[in-house]
Amino acid sequence: MDVLYKENVGKVTPTPITPEMERVKRNQEIISSGKTPILDIIIIIIIIIIIIIIIIIIIIIIIIWGSVATKLPPPKKSGISSNID
């Protein structure tokens, strides 16, 4: 039985730099440098604004509910009365 060995094992063909490879390299540099892209900062600011708006709406609802609750007539007394003195 003959064993065949492949010639040029371990040799690689150089690949040309493509725009995709450049983009990946830039992304890796941004991640490793710790810099936050401006889009992430804008998204964080939008989320904070939304949270503030939700809090303001909740406060307004609480204020309106409180004013409505004070205008409600007092609850009717039931026919059963208990005098505990």
PDB file of N, CA and C in Angstrom:
ATOM      1  N   MET A   1       0.858  -1.171   0.000  1.00  0.00           N
ATOM      2  CA  MET A   1       0.000   0.000   0.000  1.00  0.00           C
ATOM      3  C   MET A   1       0.904   1.234   0.000  1.00  0.00           C
ATOM      4  N   ASP A   2       0.648   2.115  -0.943  1.00  0.00           N
ATOM      5  CA  ASP A   2       1.440   3.339  -1.044  1.00  0.00           C
ATOM      6  C   ASP A   2       0.747   4.458  -0.268  1.00  0.00           C
ATOM      7  N   VAL A   3       1.518   5.238   0.480  1.00  0.00           N
ATOM      8  CA  VAL A   3       1.001   6.397   1.210  1.00  0.00           C
ATOM      9  C   VAL A   3       1.383   7.635   0.420  1.00  0.00           C
ATOM     10  N   LEU A   4       0.381   8.428   0.100  1.00  0.00           N
ATOM     11  CA  LEU A   4       0.637   9.637  -0.669  1.00  0.00           C
ATOM     12  C   LEU A   4       0.676  10.836   0.282  1.00  0.00           C
ATOM     13  N   TYR A   5       1.666  11.681   0.102  1.00  0.00           N
ATOM     14  CA  TYR A   5       1.800  12.888   0.914  1.00  0.00           C
ATOM     15  C   TYR A   5       1.507  14.100   0.043  1.00  0.00           C
ATOM     16  N   LYS A   6       0.757  15.024   0.616  1.00  0.00           N
ATOM     17  CA  LYS A   6       0.397  16.231  -0.118  1.00  0.00           C
ATOM     18  C   LYS A   6       1.560  17.202  -0.094  1.00  0.00           C
ATOM     19  N   GLU A   7       1.879  17.740  -1.236  1.00  0.00           N
ATOM     20  CA  GLU A   7       2.967  18.723  -1.332  1.00  0.00           C
ATOM     21  C   GLU A   7       2.451  20.108  -0.891  1.00  0.00           C
ATOM     22  N   ASN A   8       3.332  20.960  -0.463  1.00  0.00           N
ATOM     23  CA  ASN A   8       3.041  22.354  -0.082  1.00  0.00           C
ATOM     24  C   ASN A   8       2.081  22.434   1.109  1.00  0.00           C
ATOM     25  N   VAL A   9       2.160  21.498   2.032  1.00  0.00           N
ATOM     26  CA  VAL A   9       1.303  21.554   3.214  1.00  0.00           C
ATOM     27  C   VAL A   9       1.756  22.726   4.083  1.00  0.00           C
ATOM     28  N   GLY A  10       0.802  23.487   4.574  1.00  0.00           N
ATOM     29  CA  GLY A  10       1.125  24.607   5.456  1.00  0.00           C
ATOM     30  C   GLY A  10       1.309  25.912   4.719  1.00  0.00           C
ATOM     31  N   LYS A  11       1.352  25.889   3.425  1.00  0.00           N
ATOM     32  CA  LYS A  11       1.483  27.129   2.668  1.00  0.00           C
ATOM     33  C   LYS A  11       0.090  27.665   2.378  1.00  0.00           C
ATOM     34  N   VAL A  12      -0.079  28.964   2.546  1.00  0.00           N
ATOM     35  CA  VAL A  12      -1.393  29.579   2.312  1.00  0.00           C
ATOM     36  C   VAL A  12      -1.294  30.582   1.186  1.00  0.00           C
ATOM     37  N   THR A  13      -2.409  30.789   0.551  1.00  0.00           N
ATOM     38  CA  THR A  13      -2.478  31.803  -0.500  1.00  0.00           C
ATOM     39  C   THR A  13      -2.928  33.111   0.141  1.00  0.00           C
ATOM     40  N   PRO A  14      -2.175  34.181  -0.035  1.00  0.00           N
ATOM     41  CA  PRO A  14      -2.596  35.454   0.576  1.00  0.00           C
ATOM     42  C   PRO A  14      -3.915  35.930  -0.025  1.00  0.00           C
ATOM     43  N   THR A  15      -4.785  36.415   0.843  1.00  0.00           N
ATOM     44  CA  THR A  15      -6.077  36.920   0.365  1.00  0.00           C
ATOM     45  C   THR A  15      -6.012  38.439   0.292  1.00  0.00           C
ATOM     46  N   PRO A  16      -6.616  39.021  -0.708  1.00  0.00           N
ATOM     47  CA  PRO A  16      -6.604  40.483  -0.798  1.00  0.00           C
ATOM     48  C   PRO A  16      -7.493  41.104   0.283  1.00  0.00           C
ATOM     49  N   ILE A  17      -7.146  42.310   0.674  1.00  0.00           N
ATOM     50  CA  ILE A  17      -7.948  43.036   1.671  1.00  0.00           C
ATOM     51  C   ILE A  17      -9.224  43.525   0.984  1.00  0.00           C
ATOM     52  N   THR A  18     -10.354  43.114   1.528  1.00  0.00           N
ATOM     53  CA  THR A  18     -11.646  43.522   0.976  1.00  0.00           C
ATOM     54  C   THR A  18     -12.257  44.599   1.861  1.00  0.00           C
ATOM     55  N   PRO A  19     -13.247  45.349   1.356  1.00  0.00           N
ATOM     56  CA  PRO A  19     -13.919  46.352   2.202  1.00  0.00           C
ATOM     57  C   PRO A  19     -14.541  45.731   3.460  1.00  0.00           C
ATOM     58  N   GLU A  20     -15.038  44.508   3.339  1.00  0.00           N
ATOM     59  CA  GLU A  20     -15.616  43.837   4.511  1.00  0.00           C
ATOM     60  C   GLU A  20     -14.550  43.578   5.569  1.00  0.00           C
ATOM     61  N   MET A  21     -13.360  43.164   5.127  1.00  0.00           N
ATOM     62  CA  MET A  21     -12.276  42.914   6.078  1.00  0.00           C
ATOM     63  C   MET A  21     -11.845  44.221   6.752  1.00  0.00           C
ATOM     64  N   GLU A  22     -11.843  45.311   5.998  1.00  0.00           N
ATOM     65  CA  GLU A  22     -11.506  46.615   6.581  1.00  0.00           C
ATOM     66  C   GLU A  22     -12.541  47.022   7.625  1.00  0.00           C
ATOM     67  N   ARG A  23     -13.828  46.783   7.325  1.00  0.00           N
ATOM     68  CA  ARG A  23     -14.890  47.128   8.271  1.00  0.00           C
ATOM     69  C   ARG A  23     -14.750  46.327   9.552  1.00  0.00           C
ATOM     70  N   VAL A  24     -14.485  45.028   9.416  1.00  0.00           N
ATOM     71  CA  VAL A  24     -14.315  44.180  10.594  1.00  0.00           C
ATOM     72  C   VAL A  24     -13.123  44.655  11.414  1.00  0.00           C
ATOM     73  N   LYS A  25     -12.042  45.012  10.729  1.00  0.00           N
ATOM     74  CA  LYS A  25     -10.840  45.488  11.435  1.00  0.00           C
ATOM     75  C   LYS A  25     -11.142  46.778  12.199  1.00  0.00           C
ATOM     76  N   ARG A  26     -11.878  47.704  11.567  1.00  0.00           N
ATOM     77  CA  ARG A  26     -12.240  48.958  12.258  1.00  0.00           C
ATOM     78  C   ARG A  26     -13.117  48.674  13.466  1.00  0.00           C
ATOM     79  N   ASN A  27     -14.109  47.777  13.307  1.00  0.00           N
ATOM     80  CA  ASN A  27     -14.983  47.434  14.430  1.00  0.00           C
ATOM     81  C   ASN A  27     -14.190  46.831  15.583  1.00  0.00           C
ATOM     82  N   GLN A  28     -13.244  45.960  15.268  1.00  0.00           N
ATOM     83  CA  GLN A  28     -12.420  45.353  16.327  1.00  0.00           C
ATOM     84  C   GLN A  28     -11.579  46.410  17.032  1.00  0.00           C
ATOM     85  N   GLU A  29     -11.057  47.385  16.264  1.00  0.00           N
ATOM     86  CA  GLU A  29     -10.263  48.461  16.880  1.00  0.00           C
ATOM     87  C   GLU A  29     -11.132  49.326  17.788  1.00  0.00           C
ATOM     88  N   ILE A  30     -12.356  49.616  17.351  1.00  0.00           N
ATOM     89  CA  ILE A  30     -13.273  50.423  18.169  1.00  0.00           C
ATOM     90  C   ILE A  30     -13.594  49.694  19.464  1.00  0.00           C
ATOM     91  N   ILE A  31     -13.894  48.396  19.368  1.00  0.00           N
ATOM     92  CA  ILE A  31     -14.244  47.617  20.559  1.00  0.00           C
ATOM     93  C   ILE A  31     -13.057  47.525  21.507  1.00  0.00           C
ATOM     94  N   SER A  32     -11.877  47.265  20.965  1.00  0.00           N
ATOM     95  CA  SER A  32     -10.714  47.093  21.837  1.00  0.00           C
ATOM     96  C   SER A  32     -10.254  48.419  22.439  1.00  0.00           C
ATOM     97  N   SER A  33     -10.534  49.544  21.757  1.00  0.00           N
ATOM     98  CA  SER A  33     -10.110  50.837  22.291  1.00  0.00           C
ATOM     99  C   SER A  33     -11.083  51.363  23.342  1.00  0.00           C
ATOM    100  N   GLY A  34     -12.281  50.773  23.411  1.00  0.00           N
ATOM    101  CA  GLY A  34     -13.260  51.207  24.403  1.00  0.00           C
ATOM    102  C   GLY A  34     -14.060  52.416  23.973  1.00  0.00           C
ATOM    103  N   LYS A  35     -13.892  52.879  22.762  1.00  0.00           N
ATOM    104  CA  LYS A  35     -14.649  54.032  22.276  1.00  0.00           C
ATOM    105  C   LYS A  35     -16.075  53.603  21.956  1.00  0.00           C
ATOM    106  N   THR A  36     -17.034  54.443  22.346  1.00  0.00           N
ATOM    107  CA  THR A  36     -18.435  54.163  22.060  1.00  0.00           C
ATOM    108  C   THR A  36     -18.837  54.946  20.823  1.00  0.00           C
ATOM    109  N   PRO A  37     -19.359  54.279  19.814  1.00  0.00           N
ATOM    110  CA  PRO A  37     -19.812  55.013  18.628  1.00  0.00           C
ATOM    111  C   PRO A  37     -20.927  55.992  18.974  1.00  0.00           C
ATOM    112  N   ILE A  38     -21.020  57.045  18.215  1.00  0.00           N
ATOM    113  CA  ILE A  38     -21.991  58.114  18.477  1.00  0.00           C
ATOM    114  C   ILE A  38     -23.420  57.587  18.432  1.00  0.00           C
ATOM    115  N   LEU A  39     -23.675  56.573  17.608  1.00  0.00           N
ATOM    116  CA  LEU A  39     -25.029  56.018  17.523  1.00  0.00           C
ATOM    117  C   LEU A  39     -25.453  55.409  18.855  1.00  0.00           C
ATOM    118  N   ASP A  40     -24.534  54.734  19.534  1.00  0.00           N
ATOM    119  CA  ASP A  40     -24.853  54.166  20.847  1.00  0.00           C
ATOM    120  C   ASP A  40     -25.195  55.263  21.850  1.00  0.00           C
ATOM    121  N   ILE A  41     -24.472  56.367  21.802  1.00  0.00           N
ATOM    122  CA  ILE A  41     -24.733  57.482  22.721  1.00  0.00           C
ATOM    123  C   ILE A  41     -26.116  58.064  22.444  1.00  0.00           C
ATOM    124  N   ILE A  42     -26.471  58.210  21.178  1.00  0.00           N
ATOM    125  CA  ILE A  42     -27.783  58.749  20.817  1.00  0.00           C
ATOM    126  C   ILE A  42     -28.890  57.816  21.303  1.00  0.00           C
ATOM    127  N   ILE A  43     -28.706  56.511  21.144  1.00  0.00           N
ATOM    128  CA  ILE A  43     -29.705  55.543  21.603  1.00  0.00           C
ATOM    129  C   ILE A  43     -29.872  55.625  23.111  1.00  0.00           C
ATOM    130  N   ILE A  44     -28.784  55.742  23.843  1.00  0.00           N
ATOM    131  CA  ILE A  44     -28.853  55.851  25.309  1.00  0.00           C
ATOM    132  C   ILE A  44     -29.609  57.121  25.706  1.00  0.00           C
ATOM    133  N   ILE A  45     -29.342  58.228  25.037  1.00  0.00           N
ATOM    134  CA  ILE A  45     -30.033  59.491  25.351  1.00  0.00           C
ATOM    135  C   ILE A  45     -31.530  59.351  25.071  1.00  0.00           C
ATOM    136  N   ILE A  46     -31.895  58.720  23.971  1.00  0.00           N
ATOM    137  CA  ILE A  46     -33.311  58.525  23.642  1.00  0.00           C
ATOM    138  C   ILE A  46     -33.998  57.666  24.697  1.00  0.00           C
ATOM    139  N   ILE A  47     -33.328  56.613  25.150  1.00  0.00           N
ATOM    140  CA  ILE A  47     -33.901  55.749  26.189  1.00  0.00           C
ATOM    141  C   ILE A  47     -34.107  56.533  27.478  1.00  0.00           C
ATOM    142  N   ILE A  48     -33.142  57.359  27.853  1.00  0.00           N
ATOM    143  CA  ILE A  48     -33.273  58.166  29.071  1.00  0.00           C
ATOM    144  C   ILE A  48     -34.446  59.137  28.942  1.00  0.00           C
ATOM    145  N   ILE A  49     -34.602  59.764  27.775  1.00  0.00           N
ATOM    146  CA  ILE A  49     -35.715  60.695  27.559  1.00  0.00           C
ATOM    147  C   ILE A  49     -37.053  59.959  27.669  1.00  0.00           C
ATOM    148  N   ILE A  50     -37.135  58.765  27.093  1.00  0.00           N
ATOM    149  CA  ILE A  50     -38.374  57.978  27.177  1.00  0.00           C
ATOM    150  C   ILE A  50     -38.701  57.637  28.626  1.00  0.00           C
ATOM    151  N   ILE A  51     -37.692  57.252  29.401  1.00  0.00           N
ATOM    152  CA  ILE A  51     -37.904  56.929  30.821  1.00  0.00           C
ATOM    153  C   ILE A  51     -38.409  58.155  31.574  1.00  0.00           C
ATOM    154  N   ILE A  52     -37.826  59.317  31.299  1.00  0.00           N
ATOM    155  CA  ILE A  52     -38.258  60.556  31.968  1.00  0.00           C
ATOM    156  C   ILE A  52     -39.710  60.871  31.595  1.00  0.00           C
ATOM    157  N   ILE A  53     -40.077  60.704  30.330  1.00  0.00           N
ATOM    158  CA  ILE A  53     -41.452  60.960  29.900  1.00  0.00           C
ATOM    159  C   ILE A  53     -42.421  60.013  30.608  1.00  0.00           C
ATOM    160  N   ILE A  54     -42.050  58.749  30.724  1.00  0.00           N
ATOM    161  CA  ILE A  54     -42.911  57.780  31.422  1.00  0.00           C
ATOM    162  C   ILE A  54     -43.090  58.174  32.881  1.00  0.00           C
ATOM    163  N   ILE A  55     -42.024  58.598  33.533  1.00  0.00           N
ATOM    164  CA  ILE A  55     -42.112  59.022  34.944  1.00  0.00           C
ATOM    165  C   ILE A  55     -43.032  60.236  35.070  1.00  0.00           C
ATOM    166  N   ILE A  56     -42.914  61.193  34.145  1.00  0.00           N
ATOM    167  CA  ILE A  56     -43.769  62.389  34.185  1.00  0.00           C
ATOM    168  C   ILE A  56     -45.234  61.997  33.991  1.00  0.00           C
ATOM    169  N   ILE A  57     -45.502  61.074  33.074  1.00  0.00           N
ATOM    170  CA  ILE A  57     -46.883  60.620  32.854  1.00  0.00           C
ATOM    171  C   ILE A  57     -47.435  59.947  34.101  1.00  0.00           C
ATOM    172  N   ILE A  58     -46.621  59.122  34.754  1.00  0.00           N
ATOM    173  CA  ILE A  58     -47.073  58.462  35.992  1.00  0.00           C
ATOM    174  C   ILE A  58     -47.380  59.495  37.072  1.00  0.00           C
ATOM    175  N   ILE A  59     -46.544  60.501  37.197  1.00  0.00           N
ATOM    176  CA  ILE A  59     -46.784  61.553  38.198  1.00  0.00           C
ATOM    177  C   ILE A  59     -48.076  62.294  37.882  1.00  0.00           C
ATOM    178  N   ILE A  60     -48.300  62.613  36.614  1.00  0.00           N
ATOM    179  CA  ILE A  60     -49.534  63.313  36.226  1.00  0.00           C
ATOM    180  C   ILE A  60     -50.754  62.443  36.537  1.00  0.00           C
ATOM    181  N   ILE A  61     -50.670  61.153  36.237  1.00  0.00           N
ATOM    182  CA  ILE A  61     -51.794  60.251  36.534  1.00  0.00           C
ATOM    183  C   ILE A  61     -52.059  60.206  38.034  1.00  0.00           C
ATOM    184  N   ILE A  62     -51.018  60.156  38.840  1.00  0.00           N
ATOM    185  CA  ILE A  62     -51.189  60.133  40.297  1.00  0.00           C
ATOM    186  C   ILE A  62     -51.850  61.427  40.780  1.00  0.00           C
ATOM    187  N   ILE A  63     -51.421  62.552  40.239  1.00  0.00           N
ATOM    188  CA  ILE A  63     -52.010  63.842  40.636  1.00  0.00           C
ATOM    189  C   ILE A  63     -53.485  63.901  40.234  1.00  0.00           C
ATOM    190  N   ILE A  64     -53.790  63.489  39.010  1.00  0.00           N
ATOM    191  CA  ILE A  64     -55.187  63.523  38.554  1.00  0.00           C
ATOM    192  C   ILE A  64     -56.028  62.547  39.383  1.00  0.00           C
ATOM    193  N   TRP A  65     -55.521  61.355  39.634  1.00  0.00           N
ATOM    194  CA  TRP A  65     -56.273  60.369  40.414  1.00  0.00           C
ATOM    195  C   TRP A  65     -56.515  60.883  41.835  1.00  0.00           C
ATOM    196  N   GLY A  66     -55.528  61.560  42.405  1.00  0.00           N
ATOM    197  CA  GLY A  66     -55.693  62.122  43.745  1.00  0.00           C
ATOM    198  C   GLY A  66     -56.760  63.198  43.780  1.00  0.00           C
ATOM    199  N   SER A  67     -56.798  64.033  42.738  1.00  0.00           N
ATOM    200  CA  SER A  67     -57.808  65.097  42.733  1.00  0.00           C
ATOM    201  C   SER A  67     -59.196  64.518  42.482  1.00  0.00           C
ATOM    202  N   VAL A  68     -59.301  63.464  41.696  1.00  0.00           N
ATOM    203  CA  VAL A  68     -60.593  62.826  41.460  1.00  0.00           C
ATOM    204  C   VAL A  68     -61.055  62.115  42.717  1.00  0.00           C
ATOM    205  N   ALA A  69     -60.129  61.463  43.408  1.00  0.00           N
ATOM    206  CA  ALA A  69     -60.486  60.713  44.610  1.00  0.00           C
ATOM    207  C   ALA A  69     -60.984  61.647  45.712  1.00  0.00           C
ATOM    208  N   THR A  70     -60.478  62.870  45.795  1.00  0.00           N
ATOM    209  CA  THR A  70     -60.938  63.795  46.844  1.00  0.00           C
ATOM    210  C   THR A  70     -62.324  64.341  46.524  1.00  0.00           C
ATOM    211  N   LYS A  71     -62.735  64.300  45.253  1.00  0.00           N
ATOM    212  CA  LYS A  71     -64.047  64.804  44.873  1.00  0.00           C
ATOM    213  C   LYS A  71     -65.123  63.731  44.939  1.00  0.00           C
ATOM    214  N   LEU A  72     -64.761  62.506  45.170  1.00  0.00           N
ATOM    215  CA  LEU A  72     -65.746  61.435  45.256  1.00  0.00           C
ATOM    216  C   LEU A  72     -66.572  61.593  46.532  1.00  0.00           C
ATOM    217  N   PRO A  73     -67.843  61.242  46.456  1.00  0.00           N
ATOM    218  CA  PRO A  73     -68.661  61.324  47.670  1.00  0.00           C
ATOM    219  C   PRO A  73     -68.193  60.261  48.667  1.00  0.00           C
ATOM    220  N   PRO A  74     -68.401  60.518  49.934  1.00  0.00           N
ATOM    221  CA  PRO A  74     -67.984  59.520  50.926  1.00  0.00           C
ATOM    222  C   PRO A  74     -68.789  58.242  50.750  1.00  0.00           C
ATOM    223  N   PRO A  75     -68.227  57.121  51.112  1.00  0.00           N
ATOM    224  CA  PRO A  75     -68.952  55.850  50.947  1.00  0.00           C
ATOM    225  C   PRO A  75     -70.203  55.828  51.812  1.00  0.00           C
ATOM    226  N   LYS A  76     -71.253  55.180  51.297  1.00  0.00           N
ATOM    227  CA  LYS A  76     -72.510  55.089  52.054  1.00  0.00           C
ATOM    228  C   LYS A  76     -72.323  54.147  53.220  1.00  0.00           C
ATOM    229  N   LYS A  77     -72.978  54.493  54.307  1.00  0.00           N
ATOM    230  CA  LYS A  77     -72.906  53.629  55.487  1.00  0.00           C
ATOM    231  C   LYS A  77     -73.876  52.481  55.306  1.00  0.00           C
ATOM    232  N   SER A  78     -73.465  51.354  55.762  1.00  0.00           N
ATOM    233  CA  SER A  78     -74.343  50.192  55.647  1.00  0.00           C
ATOM    234  C   SER A  78     -75.437  50.277  56.730  1.00  0.00           C
ATOM    235  N   GLY A  79     -76.471  49.485  56.605  1.00  0.00           N
ATOM    236  CA  GLY A  79     -77.582  49.491  57.544  1.00  0.00           C
ATOM    237  C   GLY A  79     -77.181  48.974  58.916  1.00  0.00           C
ATOM    238  N   ILE A  80     -76.102  48.247  58.982  1.00  0.00           N
ATOM    239  CA  ILE A  80     -75.648  47.719  60.278  1.00  0.00           C
ATOM    240  C   ILE A  80     -74.720  48.734  60.891  1.00  0.00           C
ATOM    241  N   SER A  81     -75.049  49.134  62.088  1.00  0.00           N
ATOM    242  CA  SER A  81     -74.182  50.106  62.765  1.00  0.00           C
ATOM    243  C   SER A  81     -73.626  49.462  64.019  1.00  0.00           C
ATOM    244  N   SER A  82     -72.443  49.816  64.311  1.00  0.00           N
ATOM    245  CA  SER A  82     -71.842  49.309  65.549  1.00  0.00           C
ATOM    246  C   SER A  82     -71.332  50.492  66.338  1.00  0.00           C
ATOM    247  N   ASN A  83     -71.885  50.631  67.542  1.00  0.00           N
ATOM    248  CA  ASN A  83     -71.438  51.689  68.437  1.00  0.00           C
ATOM    249  C   ASN A  83     -70.466  51.086  69.439  1.00  0.00           C
ATOM    250  N   ILE A  84     -69.235  51.346  69.217  1.00  0.00           N
ATOM    251  CA  ILE A  84     -68.226  50.910  70.189  1.00  0.00           C
ATOM    252  C   ILE A  84     -67.676  52.145  70.827  1.00  0.00           C
ATOM    253  N   ASP A  85     -68.004  52.325  72.083  1.00  0.00           N
ATOM    254  CA  ASP A  85     -67.513  53.497  72.803  1.00  0.00           C
ATOM    255  C   ASP A  85     -66.582  53.105  73.912  1.00  0.00           C
TER     256      ASP A  85
END
